[in-house]
Amino acid sequence: MNKMRWFFWTLLMLNAVAAYWFSGAADHRRDVVSDLTSVNRAGQGAEVKELQLWGESSAADEQKVVAEEANQQQLEKMSPAEPEQHVSDMPVDEEVCRQLGPFEPQMVAKILLVLGDRANGILVINKEEVVSEGFWLIMQPRETRAEAELLLKSLHDRNIESYLITDGEYENGVTLGVFSGKENADSYQDKLLAEGVESVLIPRTKVEKKAWVQLKGDNNDENTLSDIAATLGIEESAIRQEESIPCEMSN
């Protein structure tokens, strides 16, 4: 009976130990699994945070560059700007002179001689000018020389002074005269027209070289003009003046 009782208590103790053992092992396995799961989750989270697609990385880099450029521009705006060099748009005063003329080239030496010391600084400028030689009254050229001679004969028969033009631009035409003034030329043309003779009035010109004297500074006064006029024996009004023109430089 005592053995049975001892055996019973022994089994009871073994069951209690086994129950405790298996219960502690289950809790230990549960803690190990929980720790491993936490480690895996942390590892996976770190990997996801570091893993990026190439396109996403490029976009991030571009955003970073844009942000840096914006910061740089902001710093430049905040920094004091260098003062701009201001170029004046006011016109530079240009030296102006007065020119008197025109004179015959051979008269220039005489002008400079009478001016004496005032001639220093006076510049002589030679210019080509169109000079009037009066007016030419003609009848238009004919097709042939024979027609022109026939016309000339008819004019002579009417006692109209005329001459045959034998060369040049108006060859085979007839000249009715040369006039120094337009008023006389117009009057004679009207007279011929009343007699049934039609004509053309042509201005005659030629190119001549004329001398001008350029005055500036102390030489640019009325005394110089009056002295030149007296030297040439002409009125001051006969001398043309070009006022306040840019000074020409000597060659």
Protein backbone atom coordinates (compact mmCIF):
# COMPACT_ATOMS: atom_id res chain seq x y z
CA MET A 1 0.00 0.00 0.00
CA ASN A 2 2.83 2.37 0.85
CA LYS A 3 4.53 1.54 -2.44
CA MET A 4 1.46 2.38 -4.38
CA ARG A 5 1.16 5.67 -2.60
CA TRP A 6 4.82 6.48 -3.29
CA PHE A 7 4.43 5.56 -6.92
CA PHE A 8 1.35 7.81 -7.14
CA TRP A 9 3.14 10.81 -5.73
CA THR A 10 6.13 10.17 -7.94
CA LEU A 11 3.96 10.21 -11.07
CA LEU A 12 2.25 13.37 -9.85
CA MET A 13 5.60 15.10 -9.42
CA LEU A 14 6.79 13.96 -12.83
CA ASN A 15 3.60 15.30 -14.46
CA ALA A 16 4.07 18.64 -12.73
CA VAL A 17 7.70 18.85 -13.87
CA ALA A 18 6.75 17.84 -17.42
CA ALA A 19 3.95 20.39 -17.52
CA TYR A 20 6.32 23.13 -16.36
CA TRP A 21 8.99 22.06 -18.80
CA PHE A 22 6.76 22.01 -21.86
CA SER A 23 5.09 25.30 -20.86
CA GLY A 24 8.47 27.10 -20.51
CA ALA A 25 9.74 25.65 -23.79
CA ALA A 26 6.67 26.95 -25.65
CA ASP A 27 7.13 30.43 -24.18
CA HIS A 28 10.82 30.36 -25.10
CA ARG A 29 10.07 29.33 -28.71
CA ARG A 30 7.44 32.05 -28.90
CA ASP A 31 9.96 34.71 -27.74
CA VAL A 32 12.59 33.47 -30.20
CA VAL A 33 10.12 33.58 -33.09
CA SER A 34 9.00 37.08 -32.03
CA ASP A 35 12.61 38.31 -31.93
CA LEU A 36 13.37 36.83 -35.33
CA THR A 37 10.25 38.44 -36.80
CA SER A 38 11.24 41.84 -35.41
CA VAL A 39 14.74 41.46 -36.80
CA ASN A 40 13.40 40.50 -40.23
CA ARG A 41 10.97 43.41 -40.25
CA ALA A 42 13.72 45.84 -39.30
CA GLY A 43 16.01 44.38 -41.95
CA GLN A 44 13.31 44.53 -44.60
CA GLY A 45 12.50 48.12 -43.65
CA ALA A 46 16.16 49.10 -44.00
CA GLU A 47 16.40 47.41 -47.37
CA VAL A 48 13.27 49.14 -48.65
CA LYS A 49 14.60 52.47 -47.48
CA GLU A 50 17.88 52.00 -49.40
CA LEU A 51 16.41 50.39 -52.53
CA GLN A 52 15.46 52.97 -55.21
CA LEU A 53 14.74 52.70 -58.90
CA TRP A 54 17.18 54.49 -61.30
CA GLY A 55 14.48 56.89 -62.55
CA GLU A 56 13.50 57.80 -58.99
CA SER A 57 17.16 58.43 -58.14
CA SER A 58 17.60 60.72 -61.18
CA ALA A 59 14.49 62.69 -60.30
CA ALA A 60 15.74 63.11 -56.76
CA ASP A 61 19.14 64.29 -58.02
CA GLU A 62 17.49 66.81 -60.36
CA GLN A 63 15.34 68.16 -57.53
CA LYS A 64 18.48 68.50 -55.43
CA VAL A 65 20.28 70.41 -58.21
CA VAL A 66 17.28 72.70 -58.76
CA ALA A 67 17.10 73.41 -55.05
CA GLU A 68 20.83 74.23 -54.94
CA GLU A 69 20.51 76.58 -57.94
CA ALA A 70 17.54 78.33 -56.34
CA ASN A 71 19.55 78.82 -53.14
CA GLN A 72 22.49 80.18 -55.16
CA GLN A 73 20.25 82.66 -56.99
CA GLN A 74 18.74 83.78 -53.71
CA LEU A 75 22.24 84.38 -52.30
CA GLU A 76 23.20 86.38 -55.39
CA LYS A 77 20.12 88.58 -55.00
CA MET A 78 20.96 89.18 -51.36
CA SER A 79 24.61 90.02 -52.10
CA PRO A 80 25.35 93.68 -53.01
CA ALA A 81 25.42 94.17 -56.80
CA GLU A 82 28.37 95.87 -58.45
CA PRO A 83 27.54 99.38 -59.64
CA GLU A 84 26.92 99.56 -63.38
CA GLN A 85 29.16 101.78 -65.44
CA HIS A 86 26.98 104.52 -66.85
CA VAL A 87 27.86 105.68 -70.34
CA SER A 88 26.59 109.15 -71.03
CA ASP A 89 24.32 109.38 -74.04
CA MET A 90 24.85 113.13 -74.31
CA PRO A 91 26.32 114.11 -77.68
CA VAL A 92 29.94 115.13 -77.64
CA ASP A 93 30.40 118.75 -78.62
CA GLU A 94 31.87 118.80 -82.12
CA GLU A 95 33.97 121.74 -83.20
CA VAL A 96 32.22 123.79 -85.84
CA CYS A 97 33.64 126.18 -88.40
CA ARG A 98 32.56 128.74 -90.96
CA GLN A 99 33.47 128.48 -94.64
CA LEU A 100 33.65 131.43 -97.03
CA GLY A 101 33.67 131.20 -100.81
CA PRO A 102 33.71 130.28 -103.54
CA PHE A 103 36.88 131.92 -104.82
CA GLU A 104 38.98 131.39 -107.90
CA PRO A 105 41.96 129.20 -106.92
CA GLN A 106 44.44 131.84 -108.09
CA MET A 107 42.93 134.36 -105.65
CA VAL A 108 43.62 132.27 -102.54
CA ALA A 109 47.27 133.34 -102.25
CA LYS A 110 46.22 136.98 -102.30
CA ILE A 111 43.62 136.37 -99.60
CA LEU A 112 46.09 134.64 -97.30
CA LEU A 113 48.65 137.40 -97.86
CA VAL A 114 46.30 140.18 -96.78
CA LEU A 115 45.20 138.24 -93.70
CA GLY A 116 48.80 138.01 -92.47
CA ASP A 117 49.14 136.28 -89.11
CA ARG A 118 45.43 135.54 -89.10
CA ALA A 119 46.02 133.14 -91.97
CA ASN A 120 47.55 130.69 -89.49
CA GLY A 121 44.92 128.05 -88.81
CA ILE A 122 42.87 128.94 -91.89
CA LEU A 123 42.30 125.90 -94.08
CA VAL A 124 41.86 126.20 -97.84
CA ILE A 125 39.39 123.65 -99.21
CA ASN A 126 39.06 122.92 -102.92
CA LYS A 127 35.62 121.88 -104.13
CA GLU A 128 34.10 121.04 -107.49
CA GLU A 129 31.02 123.10 -108.25
CA VAL A 130 28.51 123.09 -111.06
CA VAL A 131 28.57 126.52 -112.67
CA SER A 132 25.82 127.86 -114.91
CA GLU A 133 26.82 128.94 -118.41
CA GLY A 134 23.46 130.30 -119.39
CA PHE A 135 20.70 128.72 -121.49
CA TRP A 136 20.65 127.14 -124.90
CA LEU A 137 17.58 127.49 -127.13
CA ILE A 138 17.38 124.73 -129.74
CA MET A 139 15.01 122.85 -132.01
CA GLN A 140 14.92 119.10 -131.47
CA PRO A 141 17.27 116.96 -133.64
CA ARG A 142 15.88 115.51 -136.90
CA GLU A 143 16.23 111.93 -138.04
CA THR A 144 18.74 112.71 -140.79
CA ARG A 145 21.18 115.43 -141.74
CA ALA A 146 19.15 116.20 -144.84
CA GLU A 147 16.04 116.93 -142.76
CA ALA A 148 18.07 119.17 -140.43
CA GLU A 149 19.51 121.14 -143.37
CA LEU A 150 16.05 121.56 -144.86
CA LEU A 151 14.78 122.94 -141.53
CA LEU A 152 17.74 125.30 -141.27
CA LYS A 153 17.07 126.66 -144.79
CA SER A 154 13.44 127.36 -143.94
CA LEU A 155 14.47 129.32 -140.85
CA HIS A 156 16.97 131.38 -142.84
CA ASP A 157 14.28 132.15 -145.39
CA ARG A 158 12.28 133.67 -142.52
CA ASN A 159 15.29 135.64 -141.29
CA ILE A 160 15.53 133.63 -138.05
CA GLU A 161 19.13 133.37 -136.92
CA SER A 162 19.98 129.69 -136.50
CA TYR A 163 22.84 127.20 -136.83
CA LEU A 164 23.14 123.47 -137.49
CA ILE A 165 24.36 121.24 -134.64
CA THR A 166 26.77 118.77 -136.24
CA ASP A 167 27.84 116.59 -133.30
CA GLY A 168 27.14 115.65 -129.70
CA GLU A 169 23.92 114.76 -127.96
CA TYR A 170 21.84 117.14 -130.09
CA GLU A 171 23.38 116.31 -133.47
CA ASN A 172 21.11 117.22 -136.43
CA GLY A 173 19.33 119.78 -134.27
CA VAL A 174 19.24 123.54 -134.80
CA THR A 175 20.44 126.10 -132.27
CA LEU A 176 18.54 129.37 -132.02
CA GLY A 177 20.91 131.12 -129.62
CA VAL A 178 22.67 131.08 -126.24
CA PHE A 179 21.47 133.36 -123.42
CA SER A 180 23.15 134.31 -120.17
CA GLY A 181 19.88 134.90 -118.34
CA LYS A 182 16.73 132.82 -118.26
CA GLU A 183 14.46 135.83 -118.56
CA ASN A 184 15.86 136.80 -121.96
CA ALA A 185 15.77 133.18 -123.10
CA ASP A 186 12.10 132.80 -122.11
CA SER A 187 11.17 136.03 -123.89
CA TYR A 188 12.80 135.00 -127.18
CA GLN A 189 11.28 131.51 -126.97
CA ASP A 190 7.80 133.02 -126.62
CA LYS A 191 8.42 135.27 -129.63
CA LEU A 192 9.44 132.31 -131.83
CA LEU A 193 6.47 130.28 -130.66
CA ALA A 194 4.18 133.10 -131.79
CA GLU A 195 5.75 132.70 -135.25
CA GLY A 196 5.11 128.96 -135.25
CA VAL A 197 8.62 127.85 -134.25
CA GLU A 198 8.72 125.40 -131.36
CA SER A 199 11.94 125.20 -129.36
CA VAL A 200 13.42 123.75 -126.18
CA LEU A 201 15.31 125.69 -123.50
CA ILE A 202 18.28 123.76 -122.09
CA PRO A 203 20.37 124.98 -119.12
CA ARG A 204 24.10 124.92 -119.87
CA THR A 205 26.43 124.03 -116.99
CA LYS A 206 30.03 123.09 -116.40
CA VAL A 207 32.08 121.83 -113.46
CA GLU A 208 34.74 124.14 -112.08
CA LYS A 209 37.16 123.90 -109.17
CA LYS A 210 36.56 126.57 -106.56
CA ALA A 211 38.40 127.43 -103.35
CA TRP A 212 36.83 127.96 -99.94
CA VAL A 213 38.53 129.18 -96.77
CA GLN A 214 37.62 127.57 -93.47
CA LEU A 215 37.61 129.79 -90.38
CA LYS A 216 37.53 128.68 -86.77
CA GLY A 217 38.42 130.05 -83.38
CA ASP A 218 39.92 133.54 -83.37
CA ASN A 219 39.83 133.72 -87.17
CA ASN A 220 36.07 133.29 -87.28
CA ASP A 221 35.00 136.95 -87.05
CA GLU A 222 33.43 139.63 -89.22
CA ASN A 223 36.73 141.48 -89.69
CA THR A 224 38.11 138.55 -91.64
CA LEU A 225 35.10 138.58 -93.96
CA SER A 226 35.32 142.33 -94.58
CA ASP A 227 39.08 142.16 -95.24
CA ILE A 228 38.62 139.39 -97.81
CA ALA A 229 35.84 141.31 -99.56
CA ALA A 230 37.98 144.46 -99.67
CA THR A 231 40.95 142.54 -101.04
CA LEU A 232 38.89 141.08 -103.87
CA GLY A 233 37.04 144.34 -104.50
CA ILE A 234 33.61 142.83 -104.00
CA GLU A 235 30.70 143.31 -101.62
CA GLU A 236 30.55 141.14 -98.51
CA SER A 237 27.13 139.93 -99.64
CA ALA A 238 28.75 138.43 -102.74
CA ILE A 239 30.65 135.97 -100.58
CA ARG A 240 28.68 132.88 -99.62
CA GLN A 241 28.92 131.72 -96.04
CA GLU A 242 28.29 128.26 -94.67
CA GLU A 243 27.78 128.65 -90.94
CA SER A 244 28.25 126.16 -88.09
CA ILE A 245 29.38 123.18 -90.12
CA PRO A 246 31.73 120.42 -88.88
CA CYS A 247 35.33 121.45 -89.30
CA GLU A 248 37.21 119.64 -92.04
CA MET A 249 40.69 118.40 -91.27
CA SER A 250 43.69 119.13 -93.44
CA ASN A 251 45.17 116.20 -95.34
